Amino acid sequence: MSAFLPVEALSALSMQAQNMVAIANAAPTQGAALADMPGLAAAHTGPAAGSFGQLVANGIAQVNNQLASSQVDLQKLALGDAQNLHQIMINLEESRLSFQLMMQVRSRLLEAYQDIMKMPI
């Protein structure tokens, strides 16, 4: 079994990472645009806190959707209804890598939180 990933899997993960970065970069500019509009700035207090939470929720939802899709593909494979074995294996690897990435981000966030909590005030 090879430890290398197919090019399609890497490009798909690269696109997901680029999308997440684009969403994260767009959030501060949306907050600045709201601050320029006095009527909307009062209605949307704390856009930065909501955007981070929304970013995390969207990332978890994407990983969950990938895992559910992979489970359906595995069931089709077990029943013999699979059309393309290679694509199923690529999807499984993408799901595995997405889950590992999510767990690494979670670990880093927890470490950062613990470091902040250890700081003297």
PDB file of N, CA and C in Angstrom:
ATOM      1  N   MET A   1       0.846  -1.180   0.000  1.00  0.00           N
ATOM      2  CA  MET A   1       0.000   0.000   0.000  1.00  0.00           C
ATOM      3  C   MET A   1       0.887   1.238   0.000  1.00  0.00           C
ATOM      4  N   SER A   2       0.611   2.151  -0.856  1.00  0.00           N
ATOM      5  CA  SER A   2       1.421   3.352  -1.025  1.00  0.00           C
ATOM      6  C   SER A   2       0.995   4.444  -0.059  1.00  0.00           C
ATOM      7  N   ALA A   3       1.976   5.216   0.415  1.00  0.00           N
ATOM      8  CA  ALA A   3       1.687   6.323   1.332  1.00  0.00           C
ATOM      9  C   ALA A   3       1.425   7.609   0.557  1.00  0.00           C
ATOM     10  N   PHE A   4       1.566   7.581  -0.752  1.00  0.00           N
ATOM     11  CA  PHE A   4       1.365   8.773  -1.554  1.00  0.00           C
ATOM     12  C   PHE A   4      -0.110   8.958  -1.880  1.00  0.00           C
ATOM     13  N   LEU A   5      -0.514  10.224  -2.002  1.00  0.00           N
ATOM     14  CA  LEU A   5      -1.899  10.542  -2.321  1.00  0.00           C
ATOM     15  C   LEU A   5      -2.043  10.790  -3.812  1.00  0.00           C
ATOM     16  N   PRO A   6      -3.198  10.456  -4.364  1.00  0.00           N
ATOM     17  CA  PRO A   6      -3.445  10.776  -5.769  1.00  0.00           C
ATOM     18  C   PRO A   6      -3.503  12.293  -5.968  1.00  0.00           C
ATOM     19  N   VAL A   7      -3.187  12.715  -7.151  1.00  0.00           N
ATOM     20  CA  VAL A   7      -3.182  14.143  -7.467  1.00  0.00           C
ATOM     21  C   VAL A   7      -4.566  14.746  -7.282  1.00  0.00           C
ATOM     22  N   GLU A   8      -5.605  13.994  -7.640  1.00  0.00           N
ATOM     23  CA  GLU A   8      -6.966  14.505  -7.506  1.00  0.00           C
ATOM     24  C   GLU A   8      -7.305  14.798  -6.051  1.00  0.00           C
ATOM     25  N   ALA A   9      -6.873  13.925  -5.137  1.00  0.00           N
ATOM     26  CA  ALA A   9      -7.155  14.117  -3.717  1.00  0.00           C
ATOM     27  C   ALA A   9      -6.428  15.357  -3.196  1.00  0.00           C
ATOM     28  N   LEU A  10      -5.184  15.520  -3.603  1.00  0.00           N
ATOM     29  CA  LEU A  10      -4.429  16.690  -3.154  1.00  0.00           C
ATOM     30  C   LEU A  10      -5.020  17.981  -3.702  1.00  0.00           C
ATOM     31  N   SER A  11      -5.438  17.975  -4.944  1.00  0.00           N
ATOM     32  CA  SER A  11      -6.000  19.195  -5.514  1.00  0.00           C
ATOM     33  C   SER A  11      -7.332  19.534  -4.869  1.00  0.00           C
ATOM     34  N   ALA A  12      -8.128  18.520  -4.538  1.00  0.00           N
ATOM     35  CA  ALA A  12      -9.410  18.771  -3.870  1.00  0.00           C
ATOM     36  C   ALA A  12      -9.176  19.349  -2.481  1.00  0.00           C
ATOM     37  N   LEU A  13      -8.210  18.818  -1.747  1.00  0.00           N
ATOM     38  CA  LEU A  13      -7.910  19.349  -0.416  1.00  0.00           C
ATOM     39  C   LEU A  13      -7.334  20.752  -0.520  1.00  0.00           C
ATOM     40  N   SER A  14      -6.547  20.989  -1.549  1.00  0.00           N
ATOM     41  CA  SER A  14      -5.995  22.320  -1.751  1.00  0.00           C
ATOM     42  C   SER A  14      -7.111  23.326  -2.007  1.00  0.00           C
ATOM     43  N   MET A  15      -8.097  22.942  -2.794  1.00  0.00           N
ATOM     44  CA  MET A  15      -9.222  23.834  -3.069  1.00  0.00           C
ATOM     45  C   MET A  15     -10.020  24.102  -1.802  1.00  0.00           C
ATOM     46  N   GLN A  16     -10.210  23.084  -0.955  1.00  0.00           N
ATOM     47  CA  GLN A  16     -10.929  23.275   0.303  1.00  0.00           C
ATOM     48  C   GLN A  16     -10.173  24.246   1.199  1.00  0.00           C
ATOM     49  N   ALA A  17      -8.866  24.093   1.275  1.00  0.00           N
ATOM     50  CA  ALA A  17      -8.069  24.985   2.102  1.00  0.00           C
ATOM     51  C   ALA A  17      -8.126  26.413   1.566  1.00  0.00           C
ATOM     52  N   GLN A  18      -8.076  26.569   0.255  1.00  0.00           N
ATOM     53  CA  GLN A  18      -8.163  27.902  -0.331  1.00  0.00           C
ATOM     54  C   GLN A  18      -9.521  28.534  -0.061  1.00  0.00           C
ATOM     55  N   ASN A  19     -10.582  27.742  -0.113  1.00  0.00           N
ATOM     56  CA  ASN A  19     -11.916  28.258   0.178  1.00  0.00           C
ATOM     57  C   ASN A  19     -12.024  28.708   1.626  1.00  0.00           C
ATOM     58  N   MET A  20     -11.464  27.925   2.546  1.00  0.00           N
ATOM     59  CA  MET A  20     -11.520  28.295   3.957  1.00  0.00           C
ATOM     60  C   MET A  20     -10.731  29.573   4.215  1.00  0.00           C
ATOM     61  N   VAL A  21      -9.584  29.731   3.566  1.00  0.00           N
ATOM     62  CA  VAL A  21      -8.796  30.952   3.719  1.00  0.00           C
ATOM     63  C   VAL A  21      -9.542  32.147   3.141  1.00  0.00           C
ATOM     64  N   ALA A  22     -10.198  31.958   2.000  1.00  0.00           N
ATOM     65  CA  ALA A  22     -10.964  33.049   1.390  1.00  0.00           C
ATOM     66  C   ALA A  22     -12.109  33.482   2.299  1.00  0.00           C
ATOM     67  N   ILE A  23     -12.781  32.520   2.925  1.00  0.00           N
ATOM     68  CA  ILE A  23     -13.864  32.853   3.847  1.00  0.00           C
ATOM     69  C   ILE A  23     -13.317  33.601   5.055  1.00  0.00           C
ATOM     70  N   ALA A  24     -12.198  33.140   5.579  1.00  0.00           N
ATOM     71  CA  ALA A  24     -11.604  33.792   6.746  1.00  0.00           C
ATOM     72  C   ALA A  24     -11.133  35.205   6.414  1.00  0.00           C
ATOM     73  N   ASN A  25     -10.597  35.400   5.225  1.00  0.00           N
ATOM     74  CA  ASN A  25     -10.131  36.729   4.834  1.00  0.00           C
ATOM     75  C   ASN A  25     -11.294  37.664   4.520  1.00  0.00           C
ATOM     76  N   ALA A  26     -12.406  37.120   4.061  1.00  0.00           N
ATOM     77  CA  ALA A  26     -13.559  37.952   3.725  1.00  0.00           C
ATOM     78  C   ALA A  26     -14.279  38.441   4.973  1.00  0.00           C
ATOM     79  N   ALA A  27     -14.206  37.713   6.061  1.00  0.00           N
ATOM     80  CA  ALA A  27     -14.934  38.077   7.278  1.00  0.00           C
ATOM     81  C   ALA A  27     -14.499  39.443   7.831  1.00  0.00           C
ATOM     82  N   PRO A  28     -13.198  39.761   7.956  1.00  0.00           N
ATOM     83  CA  PRO A  28     -12.837  41.080   8.468  1.00  0.00           C
ATOM     84  C   PRO A  28     -13.269  42.217   7.551  1.00  0.00           C
ATOM     85  N   THR A  29     -13.253  41.998   6.244  1.00  0.00           N
ATOM     86  CA  THR A  29     -13.660  43.073   5.340  1.00  0.00           C
ATOM     87  C   THR A  29     -15.155  43.314   5.430  1.00  0.00           C
ATOM     88  N   GLN A  30     -15.930  42.270   5.697  1.00  0.00           N
ATOM     89  CA  GLN A  30     -17.364  42.456   5.870  1.00  0.00           C
ATOM     90  C   GLN A  30     -17.635  43.252   7.134  1.00  0.00           C
ATOM     91  N   GLY A  31     -16.870  43.001   8.190  1.00  0.00           N
ATOM     92  CA  GLY A  31     -17.032  43.743   9.434  1.00  0.00           C
ATOM     93  C   GLY A  31     -16.690  45.206   9.254  1.00  0.00           C
ATOM     94  N   ALA A  32     -15.660  45.504   8.463  1.00  0.00           N
ATOM     95  CA  ALA A  32     -15.278  46.886   8.205  1.00  0.00           C
ATOM     96  C   ALA A  32     -16.347  47.593   7.385  1.00  0.00           C
ATOM     97  N   ALA A  33     -16.947  46.877   6.440  1.00  0.00           N
ATOM     98  CA  ALA A  33     -18.003  47.478   5.634  1.00  0.00           C
ATOM     99  C   ALA A  33     -19.220  47.795   6.499  1.00  0.00           C
ATOM    100  N   LEU A  34     -19.525  46.955   7.467  1.00  0.00           N
ATOM    101  CA  LEU A  34     -20.637  47.216   8.372  1.00  0.00           C
ATOM    102  C   LEU A  34     -20.349  48.407   9.273  1.00  0.00           C
ATOM    103  N   ALA A  35     -19.093  48.575   9.663  1.00  0.00           N
ATOM    104  CA  ALA A  35     -18.738  49.690  10.536  1.00  0.00           C
ATOM    105  C   ALA A  35     -18.914  51.027   9.821  1.00  0.00           C
ATOM    106  N   ASP A  36     -18.784  51.033   8.486  1.00  0.00           N
ATOM    107  CA  ASP A  36     -18.940  52.266   7.720  1.00  0.00           C
ATOM    108  C   ASP A  36     -20.403  52.670   7.599  1.00  0.00           C
ATOM    109  N   MET A  37     -21.313  51.744   7.809  1.00  0.00           N
ATOM    110  CA  MET A  37     -22.740  52.023   7.696  1.00  0.00           C
ATOM    111  C   MET A  37     -23.334  52.106   9.102  1.00  0.00           C
ATOM    112  N   PRO A  38     -23.693  53.303   9.571  1.00  0.00           N
ATOM    113  CA  PRO A  38     -24.118  53.437  10.954  1.00  0.00           C
ATOM    114  C   PRO A  38     -25.377  52.647  11.288  1.00  0.00           C
ATOM    115  N   GLY A  39     -26.301  52.510  10.404  1.00  0.00           N
ATOM    116  CA  GLY A  39     -27.532  51.778  10.689  1.00  0.00           C
ATOM    117  C   GLY A  39     -27.293  50.287  10.854  1.00  0.00           C
ATOM    118  N   LEU A  40     -26.374  49.741  10.054  1.00  0.00           N
ATOM    119  CA  LEU A  40     -26.108  48.317  10.117  1.00  0.00           C
ATOM    120  C   LEU A  40     -25.096  47.967  11.200  1.00  0.00           C
ATOM    121  N   ALA A  41     -24.223  48.898  11.546  1.00  0.00           N
ATOM    122  CA  ALA A  41     -23.205  48.611  12.544  1.00  0.00           C
ATOM    123  C   ALA A  41     -23.845  48.334  13.894  1.00  0.00           C
ATOM    124  N   ALA A  42     -24.904  49.036  14.250  1.00  0.00           N
ATOM    125  CA  ALA A  42     -25.565  48.810  15.529  1.00  0.00           C
ATOM    126  C   ALA A  42     -26.318  47.486  15.532  1.00  0.00           C
ATOM    127  N   ALA A  43     -26.831  47.072  14.385  1.00  0.00           N
ATOM    128  CA  ALA A  43     -27.598  45.831  14.313  1.00  0.00           C
ATOM    129  C   ALA A  43     -26.709  44.599  14.397  1.00  0.00           C
ATOM    130  N   HIS A  44     -25.456  44.699  13.952  1.00  0.00           N
ATOM    131  CA  HIS A  44     -24.542  43.559  13.931  1.00  0.00           C
ATOM    132  C   HIS A  44     -23.389  43.810  14.886  1.00  0.00           C
ATOM    133  N   THR A  45     -23.607  43.574  16.149  1.00  0.00           N
ATOM    134  CA  THR A  45     -22.527  43.763  17.112  1.00  0.00           C
ATOM    135  C   THR A  45     -21.686  42.506  17.156  1.00  0.00           C
ATOM    136  N   GLY A  46     -20.369  42.690  17.130  1.00  0.00           N
ATOM    137  CA  GLY A  46     -19.434  41.577  17.234  1.00  0.00           C
ATOM    138  C   GLY A  46     -19.380  40.675  16.026  1.00  0.00           C
ATOM    139  N   PRO A  47     -19.170  41.196  14.788  1.00  0.00           N
ATOM    140  CA  PRO A  47     -19.120  40.317  13.627  1.00  0.00           C
ATOM    141  C   PRO A  47     -17.908  39.390  13.646  1.00  0.00           C
ATOM    142  N   ALA A  48     -16.816  39.808  14.317  1.00  0.00           N
ATOM    143  CA  ALA A  48     -15.614  38.970  14.321  1.00  0.00           C
ATOM    144  C   ALA A  48     -15.850  37.683  15.114  1.00  0.00           C
ATOM    145  N   ALA A  49     -16.542  37.773  16.254  1.00  0.00           N
ATOM    146  CA  ALA A  49     -16.793  36.584  17.059  1.00  0.00           C
ATOM    147  C   ALA A  49     -17.721  35.615  16.319  1.00  0.00           C
ATOM    148  N   GLY A  50     -18.727  36.139  15.664  1.00  0.00           N
ATOM    149  CA  GLY A  50     -19.649  35.294  14.921  1.00  0.00           C
ATOM    150  C   GLY A  50     -18.994  34.667  13.707  1.00  0.00           C
ATOM    151  N   SER A  51     -18.093  35.375  13.056  1.00  0.00           N
ATOM    152  CA  SER A  51     -17.475  34.844  11.853  1.00  0.00           C
ATOM    153  C   SER A  51     -16.547  33.670  12.170  1.00  0.00           C
ATOM    154  N   PHE A  52     -15.825  33.742  13.300  1.00  0.00           N
ATOM    155  CA  PHE A  52     -14.954  32.628  13.665  1.00  0.00           C
ATOM    156  C   PHE A  52     -15.790  31.401  14.004  1.00  0.00           C
ATOM    157  N   GLY A  53     -16.835  31.609  14.773  1.00  0.00           N
ATOM    158  CA  GLY A  53     -17.710  30.492  15.114  1.00  0.00           C
ATOM    159  C   GLY A  53     -18.358  29.894  13.888  1.00  0.00           C
ATOM    160  N   GLN A  54     -18.770  30.754  12.977  1.00  0.00           N
ATOM    161  CA  GLN A  54     -19.383  30.277  11.735  1.00  0.00           C
ATOM    162  C   GLN A  54     -18.360  29.532  10.885  1.00  0.00           C
ATOM    163  N   LEU A  55     -17.133  30.002  10.854  1.00  0.00           N
ATOM    164  CA  LEU A  55     -16.075  29.342  10.095  1.00  0.00           C
ATOM    165  C   LEU A  55     -15.829  27.938  10.641  1.00  0.00           C
ATOM    166  N   VAL A  56     -15.761  27.824  11.960  1.00  0.00           N
ATOM    167  CA  VAL A  56     -15.550  26.515  12.575  1.00  0.00           C
ATOM    168  C   VAL A  56     -16.739  25.596  12.302  1.00  0.00           C
ATOM    169  N   ALA A  57     -17.950  26.128  12.453  1.00  0.00           N
ATOM    170  CA  ALA A  57     -19.150  25.317  12.207  1.00  0.00           C
ATOM    171  C   ALA A  57     -19.209  24.852  10.755  1.00  0.00           C
ATOM    172  N   ASN A  58     -18.863  25.717   9.821  1.00  0.00           N
ATOM    173  CA  ASN A  58     -18.856  25.335   8.404  1.00  0.00           C
ATOM    174  C   ASN A  58     -17.813  24.256   8.126  1.00  0.00           C
ATOM    175  N   GLY A  59     -16.639  24.399   8.725  1.00  0.00           N
ATOM    176  CA  GLY A  59     -15.591  23.392   8.539  1.00  0.00           C
ATOM    177  C   GLY A  59     -15.999  22.042   9.070  1.00  0.00           C
ATOM    178  N   ILE A  60     -16.608  22.022  10.257  1.00  0.00           N
ATOM    179  CA  ILE A  60     -17.069  20.758  10.838  1.00  0.00           C
ATOM    180  C   ILE A  60     -18.174  20.155   9.986  1.00  0.00           C
ATOM    181  N   ALA A  61     -19.072  20.992   9.494  1.00  0.00           N
ATOM    182  CA  ALA A  61     -20.158  20.493   8.642  1.00  0.00           C
ATOM    183  C   ALA A  61     -19.609  19.882   7.352  1.00  0.00           C
ATOM    184  N   GLN A  62     -18.587  20.509   6.760  1.00  0.00           N
ATOM    185  CA  GLN A  62     -17.996  19.962   5.535  1.00  0.00           C
ATOM    186  C   GLN A  62     -17.360  18.601   5.793  1.00  0.00           C
ATOM    187  N   VAL A  63     -16.639  18.493   6.906  1.00  0.00           N
ATOM    188  CA  VAL A  63     -16.003  17.215   7.240  1.00  0.00           C
ATOM    189  C   VAL A  63     -17.075  16.156   7.489  1.00  0.00           C
ATOM    190  N   ASN A  64     -18.122  16.534   8.190  1.00  0.00           N
ATOM    191  CA  ASN A  64     -19.211  15.590   8.458  1.00  0.00           C
ATOM    192  C   ASN A  64     -19.873  15.127   7.160  1.00  0.00           C
ATOM    193  N   ASN A  65     -20.090  16.051   6.229  1.00  0.00           N
ATOM    194  CA  ASN A  65     -20.689  15.681   4.934  1.00  0.00           C
ATOM    195  C   ASN A  65     -19.790  14.734   4.161  1.00  0.00           C
ATOM    196  N   GLN A  66     -18.487  14.982   4.199  1.00  0.00           N
ATOM    197  CA  GLN A  66     -17.554  14.092   3.507  1.00  0.00           C
ATOM    198  C   GLN A  66     -17.568  12.700   4.121  1.00  0.00           C
ATOM    199  N   LEU A  67     -17.590  12.640   5.452  1.00  0.00           N
ATOM    200  CA  LEU A  67     -17.623  11.337   6.114  1.00  0.00           C
ATOM    201  C   LEU A  67     -18.908  10.586   5.803  1.00  0.00           C
ATOM    202  N   ALA A  68     -20.033  11.287   5.781  1.00  0.00           N
ATOM    203  CA  ALA A  68     -21.314  10.646   5.452  1.00  0.00           C
ATOM    204  C   ALA A  68     -21.310  10.144   4.010  1.00  0.00           C
ATOM    205  N   SER A  69     -20.765  10.942   3.103  1.00  0.00           N
ATOM    206  CA  SER A  69     -20.682  10.543   1.706  1.00  0.00           C
ATOM    207  C   SER A  69     -19.788   9.309   1.543  1.00  0.00           C
ATOM    208  N   SER A  70     -18.692   9.273   2.270  1.00  0.00           N
ATOM    209  CA  SER A  70     -17.794   8.124   2.201  1.00  0.00           C
ATOM    210  C   SER A  70     -18.460   6.875   2.743  1.00  0.00           C
ATOM    211  N   GLN A  71     -19.268   7.039   3.786  1.00  0.00           N
ATOM    212  CA  GLN A  71     -19.980   5.896   4.339  1.00  0.00           C
ATOM    213  C   GLN A  71     -20.978   5.331   3.331  1.00  0.00           C
ATOM    214  N   VAL A  72     -21.660   6.212   2.618  1.00  0.00           N
ATOM    215  CA  VAL A  72     -22.591   5.759   1.578  1.00  0.00           C
ATOM    216  C   VAL A  72     -21.830   5.028   0.475  1.00  0.00           C
ATOM    217  N   ASP A  73     -20.678   5.576   0.082  1.00  0.00           N
ATOM    218  CA  ASP A  73     -19.856   4.921  -0.948  1.00  0.00           C
ATOM    219  C   ASP A  73     -19.399   3.538  -0.489  1.00  0.00           C
ATOM    220  N   LEU A  74     -19.019   3.411   0.781  1.00  0.00           N
ATOM    221  CA  LEU A  74     -18.595   2.115   1.298  1.00  0.00           C
ATOM    222  C   LEU A  74     -19.746   1.111   1.305  1.00  0.00           C
ATOM    223  N   GLN A  75     -20.931   1.578   1.630  1.00  0.00           N
ATOM    224  CA  GLN A  75     -22.087   0.689   1.607  1.00  0.00           C
ATOM    225  C   GLN A  75     -22.382   0.218   0.183  1.00  0.00           C
ATOM    226  N   LYS A  76     -22.269   1.129  -0.769  1.00  0.00           N
ATOM    227  CA  LYS A  76     -22.466   0.739  -2.174  1.00  0.00           C
ATOM    228  C   LYS A  76     -21.413  -0.271  -2.608  1.00  0.00           C
ATOM    229  N   LEU A  77     -20.179  -0.068  -2.166  1.00  0.00           N
ATOM    230  CA  LEU A  77     -19.100  -0.993  -2.500  1.00  0.00           C
ATOM    231  C   LEU A  77     -19.368  -2.365  -1.904  1.00  0.00           C
ATOM    232  N   ALA A  78     -19.840  -2.387  -0.660  1.00  0.00           N
ATOM    233  CA  ALA A  78     -20.121  -3.667  -0.004  1.00  0.00           C
ATOM    234  C   ALA A  78     -21.269  -4.402  -0.680  1.00  0.00           C
ATOM    235  N   LEU A  79     -22.227  -3.669  -1.217  1.00  0.00           N
ATOM    236  CA  LEU A  79     -23.365  -4.283  -1.897  1.00  0.00           C
ATOM    237  C   LEU A  79     -23.064  -4.643  -3.350  1.00  0.00           C
ATOM    238  N   GLY A  80     -21.928  -4.177  -3.849  1.00  0.00           N
ATOM    239  CA  GLY A  80     -21.561  -4.467  -5.228  1.00  0.00           C
ATOM    240  C   GLY A  80     -22.131  -3.476  -6.217  1.00  0.00           C
ATOM    241  N   ASP A  81     -22.642  -2.351  -5.741  1.00  0.00           N
ATOM    242  CA  ASP A  81     -23.226  -1.338  -6.621  1.00  0.00           C
ATOM    243  C   ASP A  81     -22.225  -0.263  -7.031  1.00  0.00           C
ATOM    244  N   ALA A  82     -20.982  -0.418  -6.650  1.00  0.00           N
ATOM    245  CA  ALA A  82     -19.975   0.607  -6.924  1.00  0.00           C
ATOM    246  C   ALA A  82     -19.634   0.624  -8.412  1.00  0.00           C
ATOM    247  N   GLN A  83     -19.618   1.824  -8.991  1.00  0.00           N
ATOM    248  CA  GLN A  83     -19.285   1.973 -10.400  1.00  0.00           C
ATOM    249  C   GLN A  83     -17.793   2.217 -10.609  1.00  0.00           C
ATOM    250  N   ASN A  84     -17.196   2.994  -9.712  1.00  0.00           N
ATOM    251  CA  ASN A  84     -15.811   3.397  -9.904  1.00  0.00           C
ATOM    252  C   ASN A  84     -15.046   3.222  -8.588  1.00  0.00           C
ATOM    253  N   LEU A  85     -14.313   2.147  -8.480  1.00  0.00           N
ATOM    254  CA  LEU A  85     -13.574   1.836  -7.265  1.00  0.00           C
ATOM    255  C   LEU A  85     -12.511   2.886  -6.964  1.00  0.00           C
ATOM    256  N   HIS A  86     -11.868   3.388  -7.982  1.00  0.00           N
ATOM    257  CA  HIS A  86     -10.810   4.378  -7.789  1.00  0.00           C
ATOM    258  C   HIS A  86     -11.369   5.657  -7.170  1.00  0.00           C
ATOM    259  N   GLN A  87     -12.509   6.108  -7.657  1.00  0.00           N
ATOM    260  CA  GLN A  87     -13.103   7.334  -7.122  1.00  0.00           C
ATOM    261  C   GLN A  87     -13.553   7.132  -5.672  1.00  0.00           C
ATOM    262  N   ILE A  88     -14.044   5.948  -5.357  1.00  0.00           N
ATOM    263  CA  ILE A  88     -14.440   5.663  -3.977  1.00  0.00           C
ATOM    264  C   ILE A  88     -13.228   5.716  -3.061  1.00  0.00           C
ATOM    265  N   MET A  89     -12.126   5.146  -3.497  1.00  0.00           N
ATOM    266  CA  MET A  89     -10.915   5.158  -2.678  1.00  0.00           C
ATOM    267  C   MET A  89     -10.370   6.580  -2.518  1.00  0.00           C
ATOM    268  N   ILE A  90     -10.457   7.378  -3.575  1.00  0.00           N
ATOM    269  CA  ILE A  90     -10.020   8.780  -3.487  1.00  0.00           C
ATOM    270  C   ILE A  90     -10.904   9.535  -2.506  1.00  0.00           C
ATOM    271  N   ASN A  91     -12.219   9.317  -2.574  1.00  0.00           N
ATOM    272  CA  ASN A  91     -13.138   9.980  -1.646  1.00  0.00           C
ATOM    273  C   ASN A  91     -12.876   9.565  -0.204  1.00  0.00           C
ATOM    274  N   LEU A  92     -12.580   8.281  -0.001  1.00  0.00           N
ATOM    275  CA  LEU A  92     -12.262   7.807   1.350  1.00  0.00           C
ATOM    276  C   LEU A  92     -10.994   8.475   1.886  1.00  0.00           C
ATOM    277  N   GLU A  93     -10.001   8.599   1.049  1.00  0.00           N
ATOM    278  CA  GLU A  93      -8.747   9.236   1.473  1.00  0.00           C
ATOM    279  C   GLU A  93      -8.961  10.719   1.762  1.00  0.00           C
ATOM    280  N   GLU A  94      -9.770  11.390   0.945  1.00  0.00           N
ATOM    281  CA  GLU A  94     -10.080  12.798   1.194  1.00  0.00           C
ATOM    282  C   GLU A  94     -10.789  12.963   2.533  1.00  0.00           C
ATOM    283  N   SER A  95     -11.713  12.075   2.814  1.00  0.00           N
ATOM    284  CA  SER A  95     -12.444  12.130   4.079  1.00  0.00           C
ATOM    285  C   SER A  95     -11.504  11.905   5.259  1.00  0.00           C
ATOM    286  N   ARG A  96     -10.617  10.946   5.111  1.00  0.00           N
ATOM    287  CA  ARG A  96      -9.665  10.648   6.179  1.00  0.00           C
ATOM    288  C   ARG A  96      -8.756  11.835   6.444  1.00  0.00           C
ATOM    289  N   LEU A  97      -8.264  12.436   5.376  1.00  0.00           N
ATOM    290  CA  LEU A  97      -7.373  13.593   5.531  1.00  0.00           C
ATOM    291  C   LEU A  97      -8.116  14.801   6.100  1.00  0.00           C
ATOM    292  N   SER A  98      -9.347  14.999   5.680  1.00  0.00           N
ATOM    293  CA  SER A  98     -10.141  16.107   6.222  1.00  0.00           C
ATOM    294  C   SER A  98     -10.365  15.930   7.716  1.00  0.00           C
ATOM    295  N   PHE A  99     -10.655  14.714   8.130  1.00  0.00           N
ATOM    296  CA  PHE A  99     -10.868  14.446   9.547  1.00  0.00           C
ATOM    297  C   PHE A  99      -9.577  14.653  10.336  1.00  0.00           C
ATOM    298  N   GLN A 100      -8.462  14.183   9.795  1.00  0.00           N
ATOM    299  CA  GLN A 100      -7.176  14.384  10.467  1.00  0.00           C
ATOM    300  C   GLN A 100      -6.845  15.863  10.584  1.00  0.00           C
ATOM    301  N   LEU A 101      -7.113  16.631   9.535  1.00  0.00           N
ATOM    302  CA  LEU A 101      -6.870  18.069   9.567  1.00  0.00           C
ATOM    303  C   LEU A 101      -7.730  18.730  10.627  1.00  0.00           C
ATOM    304  N   MET A 102      -9.000  18.335  10.691  1.00  0.00           N
ATOM    305  CA  MET A 102      -9.896  18.903  11.695  1.00  0.00           C
ATOM    306  C   MET A 102      -9.389  18.593  13.107  1.00  0.00           C
ATOM    307  N   MET A 103      -8.904  17.386  13.325  1.00  0.00           N
ATOM    308  CA  MET A 103      -8.402  17.021  14.651  1.00  0.00           C
ATOM    309  C   MET A 103      -7.126  17.787  14.992  1.00  0.00           C
ATOM    310  N   GLN A 104      -6.282  18.046  13.999  1.00  0.00           N
ATOM    311  CA  GLN A 104      -5.074  18.828  14.243  1.00  0.00           C
ATOM    312  C   GLN A 104      -5.416  20.277  14.585  1.00  0.00           C
ATOM    313  N   VAL A 105      -6.380  20.838  13.876  1.00  0.00           N
ATOM    314  CA  VAL A 105      -6.812  22.213  14.174  1.00  0.00           C
ATOM    315  C   VAL A 105      -7.401  22.271  15.574  1.00  0.00           C
ATOM    316  N   ARG A 106      -8.209  21.272  15.927  1.00  0.00           N
ATOM    317  CA  ARG A 106      -8.780  21.210  17.267  1.00  0.00           C
ATOM    318  C   ARG A 106      -7.684  21.156  18.326  1.00  0.00           C
ATOM    319  N   SER A 107      -6.683  20.327  18.107  1.00  0.00           N
ATOM    320  CA  SER A 107      -5.590  20.210  19.072  1.00  0.00           C
ATOM    321  C   SER A 107      -4.835  21.519  19.219  1.00  0.00           C
ATOM    322  N   ARG A 108      -4.575  22.181  18.099  1.00  0.00           N
ATOM    323  CA  ARG A 108      -3.860  23.462  18.159  1.00  0.00           C
ATOM    324  C   ARG A 108      -4.683  24.530  18.880  1.00  0.00           C
ATOM    325  N   LEU A 109      -5.988  24.547  18.628  1.00  0.00           N
ATOM    326  CA  LEU A 109      -6.842  25.516  19.304  1.00  0.00           C
ATOM    327  C   LEU A 109      -6.878  25.263  20.802  1.00  0.00           C
ATOM    328  N   LEU A 110      -6.952  24.004  21.197  1.00  0.00           N
ATOM    329  CA  LEU A 110      -6.948  23.682  22.622  1.00  0.00           C
ATOM    330  C   LEU A 110      -5.628  24.062  23.276  1.00  0.00           C
ATOM    331  N   GLU A 111      -4.524  23.806  22.593  1.00  0.00           N
ATOM    332  CA  GLU A 111      -3.216  24.193  23.130  1.00  0.00           C
ATOM    333  C   GLU A 111      -3.113  25.700  23.287  1.00  0.00           C
ATOM    334  N   ALA A 112      -3.594  26.434  22.296  1.00  0.00           N
ATOM    335  CA  ALA A 112      -3.552  27.897  22.370  1.00  0.00           C
ATOM    336  C   ALA A 112      -4.425  28.395  23.516  1.00  0.00           C
ATOM    337  N   TYR A 113      -5.598  27.822  23.687  1.00  0.00           N
ATOM    338  CA  TYR A 113      -6.490  28.207  24.776  1.00  0.00           C
ATOM    339  C   TYR A 113      -5.829  27.932  26.126  1.00  0.00           C
ATOM    340  N   GLN A 114      -5.210  26.760  26.257  1.00  0.00           N
ATOM    341  CA  GLN A 114      -4.549  26.421  27.512  1.00  0.00           C
ATOM    342  C   GLN A 114      -3.381  27.355  27.798  1.00  0.00           C
ATOM    343  N   ASP A 115      -2.627  27.733  26.764  1.00  0.00           N
ATOM    344  CA  ASP A 115      -1.529  28.682  26.945  1.00  0.00           C
ATOM    345  C   ASP A 115      -2.040  30.042  27.400  1.00  0.00           C
ATOM    346  N   ILE A 116      -3.148  30.468  26.832  1.00  0.00           N
ATOM    347  CA  ILE A 116      -3.733  31.768  27.223  1.00  0.00           C
ATOM    348  C   ILE A 116      -4.207  31.700  28.665  1.00  0.00           C
ATOM    349  N   MET A 117      -4.819  30.588  29.045  1.00  0.00           N
ATOM    350  CA  MET A 117      -5.332  30.464  30.408  1.00  0.00           C
ATOM    351  C   MET A 117      -4.205  30.396  31.443  1.00  0.00           C
ATOM    352  N   LYS A 118      -3.023  29.964  31.047  1.00  0.00           N
ATOM    353  CA  LYS A 118      -1.887  29.897  31.971  1.00  0.00           C
ATOM    354  C   LYS A 118      -1.194  31.230  32.151  1.00  0.00           C
ATOM    355  N   MET A 119      -1.475  32.193  31.282  1.00  0.00           N
ATOM    356  CA  MET A 119      -0.824  33.504  31.364  1.00  0.00           C
ATOM    357  C   MET A 119      -1.283  34.252  32.604  1.00  0.00           C
ATOM    358  N   PRO A 120      -0.338  34.891  33.293  1.00  0.00           N
ATOM    359  CA  PRO A 120      -0.743  35.721  34.428  1.00  0.00           C
ATOM    360  C   PRO A 120      -1.426  37.004  33.953  1.00  0.00           C
ATOM    361  N   ILE A 121      -2.370  37.445  34.735  1.00  0.00           N
ATOM    362  CA  ILE A 121      -3.124  38.645  34.340  1.00  0.00           C
ATOM    363  C   ILE A 121      -2.434  39.888  34.809  1.00  0.00           C
TER     364      ILE A 121
END
